[in-house]
PDB file of N, CA and C in Angstrom:
ATOM      1  N   ILE A   1      94.022  99.733 114.383  1.00  0.00           N
ATOM      2  CA  ILE A   1      92.979  98.788 114.705  1.00  0.00           C
ATOM      3  C   ILE A   1      91.706  99.524 115.141  1.00  0.00           C
ATOM      4  N   ASP A   2      91.844 100.698 115.718  1.00  0.00           N
ATOM      5  CA  ASP A   2      90.666 101.421 116.201  1.00  0.00           C
ATOM      6  C   ASP A   2      90.106 102.392 115.165  1.00  0.00           C
ATOM      7  N   HIS A   3      90.557 102.317 113.925  1.00  0.00           N
ATOM      8  CA  HIS A   3      90.062 103.145 112.815  1.00  0.00           C
ATOM      9  C   HIS A   3      90.337 104.631 113.012  1.00  0.00           C
ATOM     10  N   SER A   4      91.401 104.986 113.708  1.00  0.00           N
ATOM     11  CA  SER A   4      91.637 106.398 114.003  1.00  0.00           C
ATOM     12  C   SER A   4      92.768 107.019 113.187  1.00  0.00           C
ATOM     13  N   ILE A   5      93.314 106.323 112.205  1.00  0.00           N
ATOM     14  CA  ILE A   5      94.410 106.859 111.402  1.00  0.00           C
ATOM     15  C   ILE A   5      93.965 107.033 109.954  1.00  0.00           C
ATOM     16  N   VAL A   6      94.292 108.181 109.380  1.00  0.00           N
ATOM     17  CA  VAL A   6      94.035 108.449 107.968  1.00  0.00           C
ATOM     18  C   VAL A   6      95.356 108.822 107.330  1.00  0.00           C
ATOM     19  N   GLU A   7      95.681 108.200 106.207  1.00  0.00           N
ATOM     20  CA  GLU A   7      96.877 108.573 105.458  1.00  0.00           C
ATOM     21  C   GLU A   7      96.447 109.138 104.122  1.00  0.00           C
ATOM     22  N   SER A   8      97.055 110.236 103.750  1.00  0.00           N
ATOM     23  CA  SER A   8      96.765 110.910 102.495  1.00  0.00           C
ATOM     24  C   SER A   8      98.047 111.007 101.687  1.00  0.00           C
ATOM     25  N   PHE A   9      97.980 110.638 100.418  1.00  0.00           N
ATOM     26  CA  PHE A   9      99.154 110.666  99.552  1.00  0.00           C
ATOM     27  C   PHE A   9      98.939 111.681  98.442  1.00  0.00           C
ATOM     28  N   GLY A  10      99.991 112.416  98.105  1.00  0.00           N
ATOM     29  CA  GLY A  10      99.924 113.393  97.034  1.00  0.00           C
ATOM     30  C   GLY A  10     101.174 113.348  96.187  1.00  0.00           C
ATOM     31  N   ALA A  11     101.183 114.125  95.129  1.00  0.00           N
ATOM     32  CA  ALA A  11     102.338 114.239  94.227  1.00  0.00           C
ATOM     33  C   ALA A  11     102.770 112.869  93.709  1.00  0.00           C
ATOM     34  N   GLY A  12     101.795 112.060  93.310  1.00  0.00           N
ATOM     35  CA  GLY A  12     102.124 110.745  92.786  1.00  0.00           C
ATOM     36  C   GLY A  12     102.750 109.823  93.811  1.00  0.00           C
ATOM     37  N   GLY A  13     102.411 109.988  95.074  1.00  0.00           N
ATOM     38  CA  GLY A  13     102.950 109.153  96.142  1.00  0.00           C
ATOM     39  C   GLY A  13     104.216 109.699  96.776  1.00  0.00           C
ATOM     40  N   LYS A  14     104.679 110.862  96.331  1.00  0.00           N
ATOM     41  CA  LYS A  14     105.906 111.452  96.883  1.00  0.00           C
ATOM     42  C   LYS A  14     105.669 112.147  98.218  1.00  0.00           C
ATOM     43  N   THR A  15     104.423 112.482  98.509  1.00  0.00           N
ATOM     44  CA  THR A  15     104.078 113.174  99.748  1.00  0.00           C
ATOM     45  C   THR A  15     103.047 112.354 100.507  1.00  0.00           C
ATOM     46  N   CYS A  16     103.237 112.237 101.805  1.00  0.00           N
ATOM     47  CA  CYS A  16     102.293 111.486 102.633  1.00  0.00           C
ATOM     48  C   CYS A  16     101.975 112.301 103.886  1.00  0.00           C
ATOM     49  N   ILE A  17     100.698 112.400 104.200  1.00  0.00           N
ATOM     50  CA  ILE A  17     100.264 113.056 105.426  1.00  0.00           C
ATOM     51  C   ILE A  17      99.496 112.020 106.237  1.00  0.00           C
ATOM     52  N   THR A  18      99.893 111.829 107.473  1.00  0.00           N
ATOM     53  CA  THR A  18      99.208 110.903 108.367  1.00  0.00           C
ATOM     54  C   THR A  18      98.562 111.707 109.485  1.00  0.00           C
ATOM     55  N   ALA A  19      97.305 111.437 109.750  1.00  0.00           N
ATOM     56  CA  ALA A  19      96.590 112.179 110.786  1.00  0.00           C
ATOM     57  C   ALA A  19      95.723 111.228 111.599  1.00  0.00           C
ATOM     58  N   ARG A  20      95.477 111.598 112.812  1.00  0.00           N
ATOM     59  CA  ARG A  20      94.585 110.824 113.671  1.00  0.00           C
ATOM     60  C   ARG A  20      93.204 111.460 113.640  1.00  0.00           C
ATOM     61  N   VAL A  21      92.200 110.644 113.485  1.00  0.00           N
ATOM     62  CA  VAL A  21      90.813 111.115 113.505  1.00  0.00           C
ATOM     63  C   VAL A  21      90.088 110.397 114.636  1.00  0.00           C
ATOM     64  N   TYR A  22      88.925 110.863 114.943  1.00  0.00           N
ATOM     65  CA  TYR A  22      88.157 110.275 116.029  1.00  0.00           C
ATOM     66  C   TYR A  22      86.899 109.645 115.450  1.00  0.00           C
ATOM     67  N   PRO A  23      86.896 108.320 115.285  1.00  0.00           N
ATOM     68  CA  PRO A  23      85.864 107.636 114.506  1.00  0.00           C
ATOM     69  C   PRO A  23      84.447 107.733 115.053  1.00  0.00           C
ATOM     70  N   LYS A  24      84.256 107.977 116.321  1.00  0.00           N
ATOM     71  CA  LYS A  24      82.893 108.054 116.845  1.00  0.00           C
ATOM     72  C   LYS A  24      82.145 109.251 116.285  1.00  0.00           C
ATOM     73  N   THR A  25      82.870 110.269 115.834  1.00  0.00           N
ATOM     74  CA  THR A  25      82.217 111.435 115.242  1.00  0.00           C
ATOM     75  C   THR A  25      82.314 111.425 113.723  1.00  0.00           C
ATOM     76  N   ALA A  26      82.870 110.370 113.146  1.00  0.00           N
ATOM     77  CA  ALA A  26      83.039 110.297 111.691  1.00  0.00           C
ATOM     78  C   ALA A  26      82.686 108.897 111.202  1.00  0.00           C
ATOM     79  N   VAL A  27      81.427 108.518 111.361  1.00  0.00           N
ATOM     80  CA  VAL A  27      80.989 107.182 110.979  1.00  0.00           C
ATOM     81  C   VAL A  27      79.886 107.294 109.933  1.00  0.00           C
ATOM     82  N   GLY A  28      79.995 106.488 108.878  1.00  0.00           N
ATOM     83  CA  GLY A  28      78.950 106.429 107.858  1.00  0.00           C
ATOM     84  C   GLY A  28      78.682 107.775 107.215  1.00  0.00           C
ATOM     85  N   ASP A  29      77.409 108.178 107.209  1.00  0.00           N
ATOM     86  CA  ASP A  29      77.012 109.435 106.569  1.00  0.00           C
ATOM     87  C   ASP A  29      77.505 110.667 107.314  1.00  0.00           C
ATOM     88  N   ASP A  30      77.973 110.506 108.544  1.00  0.00           N
ATOM     89  CA  ASP A  30      78.491 111.641 109.304  1.00  0.00           C
ATOM     90  C   ASP A  30      79.946 111.941 108.984  1.00  0.00           C
ATOM     91  N   ALA A  31      80.602 111.097 108.182  1.00  0.00           N
ATOM     92  CA  ALA A  31      82.010 111.313 107.822  1.00  0.00           C
ATOM     93  C   ALA A  31      82.117 112.501 106.869  1.00  0.00           C
ATOM     94  N   ARG A  32      83.134 113.304 107.043  1.00  0.00           N
ATOM     95  CA  ARG A  32      83.363 114.482 106.198  1.00  0.00           C
ATOM     96  C   ARG A  32      84.845 114.582 105.877  1.00  0.00           C
ATOM     97  N   LEU A  33      85.157 115.210 104.766  1.00  0.00           N
ATOM     98  CA  LEU A  33      86.534 115.457 104.377  1.00  0.00           C
ATOM     99  C   LEU A  33      86.680 116.942 104.100  1.00  0.00           C
ATOM    100  N   PHE A  34      87.667 117.562 104.720  1.00  0.00           N
ATOM    101  CA  PHE A  34      87.955 118.969 104.501  1.00  0.00           C
ATOM    102  C   PHE A  34      89.377 119.080 103.990  1.00  0.00           C
ATOM    103  N   VAL A  35      89.580 119.890 102.974  1.00  0.00           N
ATOM    104  CA  VAL A  35      90.905 120.104 102.400  1.00  0.00           C
ATOM    105  C   VAL A  35      91.262 121.564 102.619  1.00  0.00           C
ATOM    106  N   PHE A  36      92.473 121.801 103.094  1.00  0.00           N
ATOM    107  CA  PHE A  36      92.901 123.177 103.325  1.00  0.00           C
ATOM    108  C   PHE A  36      94.326 123.344 102.853  1.00  0.00           C
ATOM    109  N   ASN A  37      94.721 124.587 102.697  1.00  0.00           N
ATOM    110  CA  ASN A  37      96.037 124.925 102.176  1.00  0.00           C
ATOM    111  C   ASN A  37      96.573 126.095 102.976  1.00  0.00           C
ATOM    112  N   ASN A  38      97.738 125.917 103.558  1.00  0.00           N
ATOM    113  CA  ASN A  38      98.365 127.001 104.311  1.00  0.00           C
ATOM    114  C   ASN A  38      99.279 127.859 103.446  1.00  0.00           C
ATOM    115  N   GLY A  39      99.339 127.566 102.168  1.00  0.00           N
ATOM    116  CA  GLY A  39     100.200 128.325 101.263  1.00  0.00           C
ATOM    117  C   GLY A  39      99.492 129.540 100.704  1.00  0.00           C
ATOM    118  N   SER A  40     100.140 130.199  99.754  1.00  0.00           N
ATOM    119  CA  SER A  40      99.576 131.418  99.179  1.00  0.00           C
ATOM    120  C   SER A  40      98.927 131.183  97.825  1.00  0.00           C
ATOM    121  N   SER A  41      99.046 129.975  97.273  1.00  0.00           N
ATOM    122  CA  SER A  41      98.448 129.660  95.975  1.00  0.00           C
ATOM    123  C   SER A  41      97.270 128.714  96.154  1.00  0.00           C
ATOM    124  N   ALA A  42      96.320 128.829  95.250  1.00  0.00           N
ATOM    125  CA  ALA A  42      95.163 127.938  95.284  1.00  0.00           C
ATOM    126  C   ALA A  42      95.582 126.522  94.903  1.00  0.00           C
ATOM    127  N   VAL A  43      94.941 125.551  95.506  1.00  0.00           N
ATOM    128  CA  VAL A  43      95.205 124.143  95.217  1.00  0.00           C
ATOM    129  C   VAL A  43      93.889 123.492  94.831  1.00  0.00           C
ATOM    130  N   GLY A  44      93.907 122.717  93.747  1.00  0.00           N
ATOM    131  CA  GLY A  44      92.703 122.015  93.305  1.00  0.00           C
ATOM    132  C   GLY A  44      92.864 120.514  93.465  1.00  0.00           C
ATOM    133  N   ILE A  45      91.788 119.843  93.805  1.00  0.00           N
ATOM    134  CA  ILE A  45      91.780 118.387  93.898  1.00  0.00           C
ATOM    135  C   ILE A  45      91.308 117.863  92.547  1.00  0.00           C
ATOM    136  N   THR A  46      92.156 117.108  91.864  1.00  0.00           N
ATOM    137  CA  THR A  46      91.782 116.569  90.558  1.00  0.00           C
ATOM    138  C   THR A  46      91.308 115.127  90.635  1.00  0.00           C
ATOM    139  N   ARG A  47      91.720 114.412  91.679  1.00  0.00           N
ATOM    140  CA  ARG A  47      91.288 113.027  91.847  1.00  0.00           C
ATOM    141  C   ARG A  47      91.339 112.671  93.325  1.00  0.00           C
ATOM    142  N   LEU A  48      90.333 111.989  93.794  1.00  0.00           N
ATOM    143  CA  LEU A  48      90.285 111.554  95.185  1.00  0.00           C
ATOM    144  C   LEU A  48      89.781 110.122  95.216  1.00  0.00           C
ATOM    145  N   SER A  49      90.550 109.239  95.826  1.00  0.00           N
ATOM    146  CA  SER A  49      90.155 107.835  95.984  1.00  0.00           C
ATOM    147  C   SER A  49      90.126 107.509  97.466  1.00  0.00           C
ATOM    148  N   ALA A  50      89.126 106.764  97.879  1.00  0.00           N
ATOM    149  CA  ALA A  50      89.031 106.333  99.276  1.00  0.00           C
ATOM    150  C   ALA A  50      88.587 104.885  99.296  1.00  0.00           C
ATOM    151  N   TRP A  51      89.097 104.132 100.255  1.00  0.00           N
ATOM    152  CA  TRP A  51      88.728 102.729 100.355  1.00  0.00           C
ATOM    153  C   TRP A  51      88.839 102.264 101.796  1.00  0.00           C
ATOM    154  N   THR A  52      88.198 101.173 102.076  1.00  0.00           N
ATOM    155  CA  THR A  52      88.257 100.551 103.389  1.00  0.00           C
ATOM    156  C   THR A  52      89.420  99.577 103.411  1.00  0.00           C
ATOM    157  N   MET A  53      90.195  99.621 104.468  1.00  0.00           N
ATOM    158  CA  MET A  53      91.322  98.703 104.599  1.00  0.00           C
ATOM    159  C   MET A  53      90.840  97.363 105.142  1.00  0.00           C
ATOM    160  N   LEU A  54      91.549  96.304 104.790  1.00  0.00           N
ATOM    161  CA  LEU A  54      91.240  94.974 105.296  1.00  0.00           C
ATOM    162  C   LEU A  54      91.651  94.853 106.758  1.00  0.00           C
ATOM    163  N   GLN A  55      91.126  93.847 107.430  1.00  0.00           N
ATOM    164  CA  GLN A  55      91.522  93.575 108.801  1.00  0.00           C
ATOM    165  C   GLN A  55      92.997  93.186 108.834  1.00  0.00           C
ATOM    166  N   PRO A  56      93.743  93.618 109.841  1.00  0.00           N
ATOM    167  CA  PRO A  56      95.161  93.257 109.922  1.00  0.00           C
ATOM    168  C   PRO A  56      95.332  91.788 110.292  1.00  0.00           C
ATOM    169  N   SER A  57      96.445  91.227 109.861  1.00  0.00           N
ATOM    170  CA  SER A  57      96.777  89.865 110.277  1.00  0.00           C
ATOM    171  C   SER A  57      98.136  89.902 110.964  1.00  0.00           C
ATOM    172  N   VAL A  58      98.270  89.124 112.004  1.00  0.00           N
ATOM    173  CA  VAL A  58      99.508  89.091 112.771  1.00  0.00           C
ATOM    174  C   VAL A  58     100.229  87.792 112.455  1.00  0.00           C
ATOM    175  N   ASN A  59     101.467  87.914 111.991  1.00  0.00           N
ATOM    176  CA  ASN A  59     102.282  86.730 111.714  1.00  0.00           C
ATOM    177  C   ASN A  59     103.032  86.365 112.981  1.00  0.00           C
ATOM    178  N   GLY A  60     102.925  85.156 113.412  1.00  0.00           N
ATOM    179  CA  GLY A  60     103.620  84.871 114.640  1.00  0.00           C
ATOM    180  C   GLY A  60     103.841  83.460 114.879  1.00  0.00           C
TER     181      GLY A  60
END
């Protein structure tokens, strides 16, 4: 609800990384994306999609 979670999916949805971000420093044009690799081989980004999530609804 506070816009502090980012989920990243890779390998056709087989891999998921969830991270917490701090939205006050990543709003609008100040938002940045950094990709890193802790392995020994180079990794290339071939496609990147980003979207805004809808407001949550509570069933009750």
